[in-house]
Amino acid sequence: MIVPALRYRDTEAMLAFLTGALGFRDHAVYRDAEGGILHAELKLGDGIIMFGPAAHNNDFGRLIVSPEAAGGVTGTIYVVVSNVAGHYARAVAAGAEVVLPLEEQPYGGQSYTVRDPEGQIWTFGEYHPEADHGETEEG
């Protein structure tokens, strides 16, 4: 299993965006004594992501920079959804910033891409890398 892990400055706003506009659901949200998010785990279908605050006061936190500080992103997150048109409609209705509209892809299925409020790039599509695409193993 591979689990993307992100850091955000405003964890409460990102929790609301990810569960509202993008349809994730809470799996586990760990909070400090004041109620701030220390660590969150969210699910969508069979997938899970984690995120926490963008703290630079420890060894791990110093390794991570925001998309804003980096001048863009160095990777994106691709999420397989079964009803991509419905998912797109939900994101648009919630005001998500669409950077690539819903369209057919040459490798199969439809997809679209949004930028979250802190600059991370998310693509949602029907293409599933584990599906049988007619390839054969050589060897």
N, C-alpha and C. Protein backbone atom coordinates (compact mmCIF):
# COMPACT_ATOMS: atom_id res chain seq x y z
N MET A 1 0.84 -1.17 0.00
CA MET A 1 0.00 0.00 0.00
C MET A 1 0.89 1.24 0.00
N ILE A 2 0.54 2.22 -0.81
CA ILE A 2 1.22 3.51 -0.83
C ILE A 2 0.22 4.55 -0.36
N VAL A 3 0.62 5.38 0.60
CA VAL A 3 -0.28 6.38 1.16
C VAL A 3 0.36 7.76 1.00
N PRO A 4 -0.20 8.60 0.14
CA PRO A 4 0.33 9.97 0.04
C PRO A 4 0.14 10.71 1.36
N ALA A 5 1.14 11.49 1.73
CA ALA A 5 1.09 12.28 2.96
C ALA A 5 1.45 13.72 2.61
N LEU A 6 0.60 14.65 2.99
CA LEU A 6 0.75 16.05 2.65
C LEU A 6 0.86 16.90 3.90
N ARG A 7 1.34 18.11 3.75
CA ARG A 7 1.41 19.09 4.83
C ARG A 7 0.67 20.34 4.38
N TYR A 8 -0.12 20.91 5.30
CA TYR A 8 -0.89 22.11 4.99
C TYR A 8 -0.76 23.13 6.11
N ARG A 9 -0.76 24.42 5.73
CA ARG A 9 -0.72 25.50 6.72
C ARG A 9 -2.04 25.57 7.50
N ASP A 10 -3.16 25.47 6.79
CA ASP A 10 -4.48 25.57 7.42
C ASP A 10 -5.17 24.21 7.34
N THR A 11 -4.88 23.36 8.32
CA THR A 11 -5.39 21.99 8.29
C THR A 11 -6.91 21.93 8.39
N GLU A 12 -7.52 22.83 9.14
CA GLU A 12 -8.99 22.83 9.25
C GLU A 12 -9.63 23.14 7.91
N ALA A 13 -9.12 24.16 7.20
CA ALA A 13 -9.66 24.51 5.89
C ALA A 13 -9.46 23.37 4.91
N MET A 14 -8.33 22.69 4.97
CA MET A 14 -8.07 21.58 4.05
C MET A 14 -8.95 20.38 4.37
N LEU A 15 -9.21 20.13 5.64
CA LEU A 15 -10.12 19.06 6.01
C LEU A 15 -11.50 19.34 5.42
N ALA A 16 -11.96 20.58 5.54
CA ALA A 16 -13.26 20.96 4.99
C ALA A 16 -13.28 20.85 3.47
N PHE A 17 -12.21 21.27 2.79
CA PHE A 17 -12.15 21.20 1.33
C PHE A 17 -12.12 19.75 0.85
N LEU A 18 -11.26 18.95 1.44
CA LEU A 18 -11.10 17.57 0.99
C LEU A 18 -12.36 16.74 1.24
N THR A 19 -13.03 16.96 2.38
CA THR A 19 -14.26 16.21 2.66
C THR A 19 -15.47 16.82 1.96
N GLY A 20 -15.45 18.11 1.72
CA GLY A 20 -16.57 18.77 1.06
C GLY A 20 -16.47 18.69 -0.45
N ALA A 21 -15.57 19.46 -1.02
CA ALA A 21 -15.46 19.57 -2.48
C ALA A 21 -15.02 18.28 -3.14
N LEU A 22 -14.11 17.54 -2.50
CA LEU A 22 -13.53 16.36 -3.16
C LEU A 22 -14.08 15.03 -2.66
N GLY A 23 -14.96 15.04 -1.67
CA GLY A 23 -15.68 13.84 -1.29
C GLY A 23 -14.96 12.82 -0.43
N PHE A 24 -13.81 13.18 0.13
CA PHE A 24 -13.16 12.26 1.06
C PHE A 24 -13.99 12.17 2.34
N ARG A 25 -13.77 11.11 3.12
CA ARG A 25 -14.45 10.98 4.41
C ARG A 25 -13.40 10.75 5.49
N ASP A 26 -13.71 11.23 6.69
CA ASP A 26 -12.80 11.05 7.82
C ASP A 26 -12.57 9.57 8.08
N HIS A 27 -11.33 9.20 8.26
CA HIS A 27 -10.98 7.86 8.73
C HIS A 27 -10.49 7.99 10.17
N ALA A 28 -9.58 8.94 10.39
CA ALA A 28 -9.08 9.23 11.74
C ALA A 28 -8.53 10.65 11.72
N VAL A 29 -8.90 11.43 12.72
CA VAL A 29 -8.37 12.78 12.86
C VAL A 29 -7.89 12.91 14.30
N TYR A 30 -6.57 13.11 14.47
CA TYR A 30 -5.96 13.23 15.79
C TYR A 30 -5.71 14.71 16.07
N ARG A 31 -6.14 15.15 17.25
CA ARG A 31 -6.05 16.56 17.60
C ARG A 31 -5.22 16.75 18.86
N ASP A 32 -4.64 17.95 18.99
CA ASP A 32 -3.89 18.29 20.20
C ASP A 32 -4.85 18.77 21.28
N ALA A 33 -4.33 19.15 22.43
CA ALA A 33 -5.17 19.55 23.57
C ALA A 33 -6.03 20.77 23.27
N GLU A 34 -5.59 21.62 22.34
CA GLU A 34 -6.37 22.81 21.96
C GLU A 34 -7.35 22.52 20.82
N GLY A 35 -7.36 21.30 20.31
CA GLY A 35 -8.27 20.93 19.24
C GLY A 35 -7.71 21.04 17.83
N GLY A 36 -6.45 21.47 17.71
CA GLY A 36 -5.82 21.57 16.39
C GLY A 36 -5.48 20.20 15.83
N ILE A 37 -5.52 20.08 14.51
CA ILE A 37 -5.21 18.81 13.85
C ILE A 37 -3.71 18.52 13.91
N LEU A 38 -3.37 17.37 14.48
CA LEU A 38 -1.99 16.88 14.50
C LEU A 38 -1.73 15.97 13.30
N HIS A 39 -2.74 15.17 12.95
CA HIS A 39 -2.61 14.15 11.90
C HIS A 39 -4.02 13.78 11.47
N ALA A 40 -4.25 13.73 10.16
CA ALA A 40 -5.56 13.32 9.65
C ALA A 40 -5.39 12.23 8.60
N GLU A 41 -6.31 11.30 8.60
CA GLU A 41 -6.37 10.23 7.61
C GLU A 41 -7.76 10.29 6.98
N LEU A 42 -7.80 10.38 5.65
CA LEU A 42 -9.06 10.48 4.93
C LEU A 42 -9.13 9.39 3.88
N LYS A 43 -10.34 8.88 3.65
CA LYS A 43 -10.55 7.81 2.67
C LYS A 43 -11.44 8.29 1.53
N LEU A 44 -11.19 7.73 0.36
CA LEU A 44 -12.06 7.87 -0.80
C LEU A 44 -12.01 6.53 -1.51
N GLY A 45 -13.12 5.82 -1.52
CA GLY A 45 -13.11 4.46 -2.07
C GLY A 45 -12.17 3.60 -1.25
N ASP A 46 -11.26 2.88 -1.94
CA ASP A 46 -10.28 2.03 -1.26
C ASP A 46 -9.00 2.78 -0.92
N GLY A 47 -8.89 4.04 -1.34
CA GLY A 47 -7.67 4.81 -1.12
C GLY A 47 -7.70 5.61 0.16
N ILE A 48 -6.52 5.97 0.61
CA ILE A 48 -6.39 6.76 1.82
C ILE A 48 -5.26 7.76 1.63
N ILE A 49 -5.42 8.94 2.21
CA ILE A 49 -4.36 9.94 2.26
C ILE A 49 -4.18 10.36 3.71
N MET A 50 -3.03 10.94 4.00
CA MET A 50 -2.79 11.49 5.33
C MET A 50 -2.31 12.92 5.15
N PHE A 51 -2.59 13.76 6.14
CA PHE A 51 -1.99 15.09 6.14
C PHE A 51 -1.86 15.60 7.56
N GLY A 52 -1.02 16.60 7.69
CA GLY A 52 -0.80 17.23 8.98
C GLY A 52 -0.37 18.66 8.78
N PRO A 53 -0.07 19.34 9.88
CA PRO A 53 0.31 20.75 9.78
C PRO A 53 1.70 20.92 9.16
N ALA A 54 1.86 22.04 8.47
CA ALA A 54 3.14 22.37 7.83
C ALA A 54 4.07 22.98 8.87
N ALA A 55 4.62 22.13 9.71
CA ALA A 55 5.55 22.57 10.75
C ALA A 55 6.98 22.35 10.28
N HIS A 56 7.83 23.30 10.54
CA HIS A 56 9.23 23.18 10.14
C HIS A 56 10.15 23.10 11.36
N ASN A 57 9.57 22.69 12.49
CA ASN A 57 10.33 22.65 13.74
C ASN A 57 10.85 21.25 14.09
N ASN A 58 10.84 20.34 13.09
CA ASN A 58 11.41 19.01 13.33
C ASN A 58 12.11 18.54 12.05
N ASP A 59 12.86 17.45 12.14
CA ASP A 59 13.65 16.98 11.00
C ASP A 59 12.79 16.68 9.78
N PHE A 60 11.66 16.01 9.98
CA PHE A 60 10.79 15.66 8.85
C PHE A 60 10.17 16.91 8.24
N GLY A 61 9.67 17.80 9.07
CA GLY A 61 9.04 19.02 8.58
C GLY A 61 9.96 19.89 7.75
N ARG A 62 11.25 19.89 8.07
CA ARG A 62 12.20 20.69 7.31
C ARG A 62 12.46 20.14 5.92
N LEU A 63 12.06 18.91 5.66
CA LEU A 63 12.24 18.32 4.33
C LEU A 63 11.17 18.76 3.33
N ILE A 64 10.06 19.31 3.83
CA ILE A 64 8.89 19.59 2.99
C ILE A 64 8.72 21.09 2.80
N VAL A 65 8.51 21.48 1.54
CA VAL A 65 8.18 22.88 1.24
C VAL A 65 6.81 22.92 0.58
N SER A 66 6.14 24.04 0.73
CA SER A 66 4.82 24.20 0.12
C SER A 66 4.96 24.42 -1.38
N PRO A 67 3.91 24.14 -2.17
CA PRO A 67 3.97 24.44 -3.60
C PRO A 67 4.28 25.92 -3.84
N GLU A 68 3.75 26.80 -3.00
CA GLU A 68 4.01 28.24 -3.13
C GLU A 68 5.51 28.53 -2.99
N ALA A 69 6.14 27.96 -1.97
CA ALA A 69 7.57 28.19 -1.74
C ALA A 69 8.43 27.56 -2.83
N ALA A 70 7.96 26.45 -3.39
CA ALA A 70 8.72 25.75 -4.44
C ALA A 70 8.49 26.35 -5.82
N GLY A 71 7.50 27.22 -5.95
CA GLY A 71 7.17 27.78 -7.26
C GLY A 71 6.35 26.82 -8.11
N GLY A 72 5.68 25.87 -7.49
CA GLY A 72 4.88 24.85 -8.17
C GLY A 72 4.99 23.55 -7.43
N VAL A 73 4.45 22.49 -8.00
CA VAL A 73 4.52 21.18 -7.36
C VAL A 73 5.51 20.29 -8.10
N THR A 74 6.04 19.31 -7.41
CA THR A 74 6.95 18.36 -8.04
C THR A 74 6.30 17.01 -8.26
N GLY A 75 5.08 16.86 -7.82
CA GLY A 75 4.31 15.64 -8.01
C GLY A 75 2.84 15.94 -7.83
N THR A 76 2.01 15.02 -8.23
CA THR A 76 0.57 15.19 -8.08
C THR A 76 -0.02 13.92 -7.50
N ILE A 77 -1.28 14.00 -7.14
CA ILE A 77 -1.99 12.83 -6.64
C ILE A 77 -3.07 12.48 -7.65
N TYR A 78 -3.10 11.21 -8.06
CA TYR A 78 -4.13 10.71 -8.97
C TYR A 78 -5.05 9.80 -8.17
N VAL A 79 -6.36 10.05 -8.28
CA VAL A 79 -7.35 9.29 -7.52
C VAL A 79 -8.32 8.64 -8.49
N VAL A 80 -8.48 7.33 -8.41
CA VAL A 80 -9.43 6.61 -9.25
C VAL A 80 -10.82 6.73 -8.65
N VAL A 81 -11.77 7.20 -9.45
CA VAL A 81 -13.17 7.29 -9.03
C VAL A 81 -14.03 6.61 -10.09
N SER A 82 -15.13 6.01 -9.67
CA SER A 82 -15.98 5.28 -10.61
C SER A 82 -16.92 6.20 -11.39
N ASN A 83 -17.33 7.30 -10.79
CA ASN A 83 -18.24 8.24 -11.45
C ASN A 83 -17.53 9.58 -11.56
N VAL A 84 -16.61 9.68 -12.51
CA VAL A 84 -15.79 10.88 -12.60
C VAL A 84 -16.62 12.11 -12.97
N ALA A 85 -17.64 11.96 -13.79
CA ALA A 85 -18.48 13.10 -14.16
C ALA A 85 -19.23 13.64 -12.94
N GLY A 86 -19.75 12.76 -12.12
CA GLY A 86 -20.42 13.17 -10.89
C GLY A 86 -19.46 13.82 -9.91
N HIS A 87 -18.26 13.25 -9.81
CA HIS A 87 -17.24 13.80 -8.92
C HIS A 87 -16.84 15.19 -9.39
N TYR A 88 -16.68 15.37 -10.69
CA TYR A 88 -16.35 16.66 -11.28
C TYR A 88 -17.44 17.68 -10.96
N ALA A 89 -18.69 17.29 -11.13
CA ALA A 89 -19.81 18.20 -10.85
C ALA A 89 -19.79 18.64 -9.39
N ARG A 90 -19.49 17.72 -8.48
CA ARG A 90 -19.42 18.06 -7.05
C ARG A 90 -18.32 19.07 -6.79
N ALA A 91 -17.14 18.83 -7.37
CA ALA A 91 -16.00 19.73 -7.17
C ALA A 91 -16.29 21.12 -7.72
N VAL A 92 -16.87 21.19 -8.91
CA VAL A 92 -17.20 22.48 -9.53
C VAL A 92 -18.24 23.21 -8.69
N ALA A 93 -19.28 22.50 -8.26
CA ALA A 93 -20.33 23.12 -7.45
C ALA A 93 -19.79 23.67 -6.14
N ALA A 94 -18.73 23.03 -5.60
CA ALA A 94 -18.14 23.48 -4.34
C ALA A 94 -17.11 24.59 -4.55
N GLY A 95 -16.87 24.96 -5.80
CA GLY A 95 -15.95 26.05 -6.09
C GLY A 95 -14.49 25.66 -6.21
N ALA A 96 -14.20 24.38 -6.41
CA ALA A 96 -12.81 23.95 -6.58
C ALA A 96 -12.21 24.61 -7.82
N GLU A 97 -10.92 24.93 -7.75
CA GLU A 97 -10.22 25.53 -8.88
C GLU A 97 -9.86 24.44 -9.89
N VAL A 98 -10.60 24.37 -10.97
CA VAL A 98 -10.35 23.38 -12.02
C VAL A 98 -9.22 23.91 -12.89
N VAL A 99 -8.13 23.14 -13.01
CA VAL A 99 -7.01 23.56 -13.86
C VAL A 99 -6.99 22.81 -15.18
N LEU A 100 -7.59 21.63 -15.22
CA LEU A 100 -7.80 20.87 -16.46
C LEU A 100 -9.21 20.31 -16.42
N PRO A 101 -10.06 20.66 -17.39
CA PRO A 101 -11.45 20.23 -17.35
C PRO A 101 -11.62 18.74 -17.60
N LEU A 102 -12.82 18.26 -17.31
CA LEU A 102 -13.18 16.87 -17.56
C LEU A 102 -13.06 16.59 -19.05
N GLU A 103 -12.28 15.57 -19.41
CA GLU A 103 -12.14 15.20 -20.82
C GLU A 103 -11.67 13.75 -20.95
N GLU A 104 -11.96 13.20 -22.12
CA GLU A 104 -11.52 11.84 -22.44
C GLU A 104 -9.99 11.82 -22.57
N GLN A 105 -9.37 10.74 -22.09
CA GLN A 105 -7.92 10.60 -22.17
C GLN A 105 -7.56 9.54 -23.21
N PRO A 106 -6.45 9.70 -23.91
CA PRO A 106 -6.07 8.74 -24.95
C PRO A 106 -5.75 7.34 -24.41
N TYR A 107 -5.42 7.23 -23.13
CA TYR A 107 -5.10 5.94 -22.52
C TYR A 107 -6.32 5.29 -21.90
N GLY A 108 -7.47 5.98 -21.96
CA GLY A 108 -8.72 5.40 -21.48
C GLY A 108 -9.38 6.22 -20.39
N GLY A 109 -10.68 6.31 -20.46
CA GLY A 109 -11.47 6.97 -19.44
C GLY A 109 -11.38 8.49 -19.49
N GLN A 110 -12.12 9.10 -18.58
CA GLN A 110 -12.13 10.55 -18.44
C GLN A 110 -11.38 10.93 -17.17
N SER A 111 -10.90 12.18 -17.14
CA SER A 111 -10.28 12.70 -15.93
C SER A 111 -10.38 14.22 -15.93
N TYR A 112 -10.14 14.79 -14.76
CA TYR A 112 -10.05 16.24 -14.60
C TYR A 112 -9.07 16.53 -13.48
N THR A 113 -8.58 17.77 -13.42
CA THR A 113 -7.57 18.13 -12.44
C THR A 113 -7.94 19.43 -11.74
N VAL A 114 -7.74 19.44 -10.41
CA VAL A 114 -7.99 20.65 -9.60
C VAL A 114 -6.73 21.00 -8.81
N ARG A 115 -6.68 22.27 -8.41
CA ARG A 115 -5.64 22.74 -7.49
C ARG A 115 -6.34 22.99 -6.16
N ASP A 116 -5.80 22.43 -5.08
CA ASP A 116 -6.43 22.68 -3.78
C ASP A 116 -6.05 24.08 -3.28
N PRO A 117 -6.69 24.56 -2.23
CA PRO A 117 -6.45 25.93 -1.77
C PRO A 117 -5.00 26.24 -1.38
N GLU A 118 -4.18 25.24 -1.12
CA GLU A 118 -2.78 25.50 -0.78
C GLU A 118 -1.83 25.11 -1.91
N GLY A 119 -2.37 24.83 -3.11
CA GLY A 119 -1.54 24.65 -4.29
C GLY A 119 -1.24 23.24 -4.73
N GLN A 120 -1.65 22.21 -3.97
CA GLN A 120 -1.42 20.83 -4.40
C GLN A 120 -2.33 20.51 -5.59
N ILE A 121 -1.85 19.66 -6.48
CA ILE A 121 -2.59 19.29 -7.69
C ILE A 121 -3.16 17.88 -7.52
N TRP A 122 -4.46 17.75 -7.79
CA TRP A 122 -5.18 16.48 -7.68
C TRP A 122 -5.86 16.17 -9.01
N THR A 123 -5.67 14.95 -9.52
CA THR A 123 -6.38 14.50 -10.71
C THR A 123 -7.30 13.36 -10.31
N PHE A 124 -8.54 13.41 -10.78
CA PHE A 124 -9.53 12.37 -10.53
C PHE A 124 -9.92 11.79 -11.87
N GLY A 125 -9.88 10.46 -11.97
CA GLY A 125 -10.18 9.84 -13.25
C GLY A 125 -10.68 8.42 -13.12
N GLU A 126 -11.14 7.91 -14.25
CA GLU A 126 -11.65 6.53 -14.32
C GLU A 126 -10.57 5.52 -14.62
N TYR A 127 -9.48 5.95 -15.23
CA TYR A 127 -8.40 5.03 -15.58
C TYR A 127 -7.84 4.40 -14.32
N HIS A 128 -7.73 3.08 -14.32
CA HIS A 128 -7.22 2.35 -13.16
C HIS A 128 -5.96 1.59 -13.58
N PRO A 129 -4.80 1.92 -13.00
CA PRO A 129 -3.55 1.28 -13.41
C PRO A 129 -3.51 -0.23 -13.22
N GLU A 130 -4.31 -0.78 -12.30
CA GLU A 130 -4.28 -2.23 -12.07
C GLU A 130 -5.21 -3.00 -12.99
N ALA A 131 -6.01 -2.30 -13.79
CA ALA A 131 -6.93 -2.98 -14.70
C ALA A 131 -6.15 -3.65 -15.82
N ASP A 132 -6.73 -4.70 -16.37
CA ASP A 132 -6.11 -5.39 -17.50
C ASP A 132 -6.29 -4.54 -18.74
N HIS A 133 -5.16 -4.08 -19.31
CA HIS A 133 -5.21 -3.23 -20.49
C HIS A 133 -4.74 -3.97 -21.73
N GLY A 134 -4.72 -5.30 -21.65
CA GLY A 134 -4.36 -6.10 -22.81
C GLY A 134 -2.87 -6.31 -23.00
N GLU A 135 -2.06 -5.89 -22.02
CA GLU A 135 -0.64 -6.09 -22.15
C GLU A 135 -0.28 -7.55 -21.83
N THR A 136 0.82 -7.99 -22.35
CA THR A 136 1.32 -9.32 -22.00
C THR A 136 2.72 -9.16 -21.43
N GLU A 137 3.05 -10.04 -20.52
CA GLU A 137 4.39 -10.02 -19.94
C GLU A 137 5.34 -10.70 -20.89
N GLU A 138 6.52 -10.11 -21.05
CA GLU A 138 7.55 -10.74 -21.87
C GLU A 138 8.54 -11.41 -20.95
N GLY A 139 9.17 -12.42 -21.43
CA GLY A 139 10.19 -13.01 -20.58
C GLY A 139 10.30 -14.41 -20.82
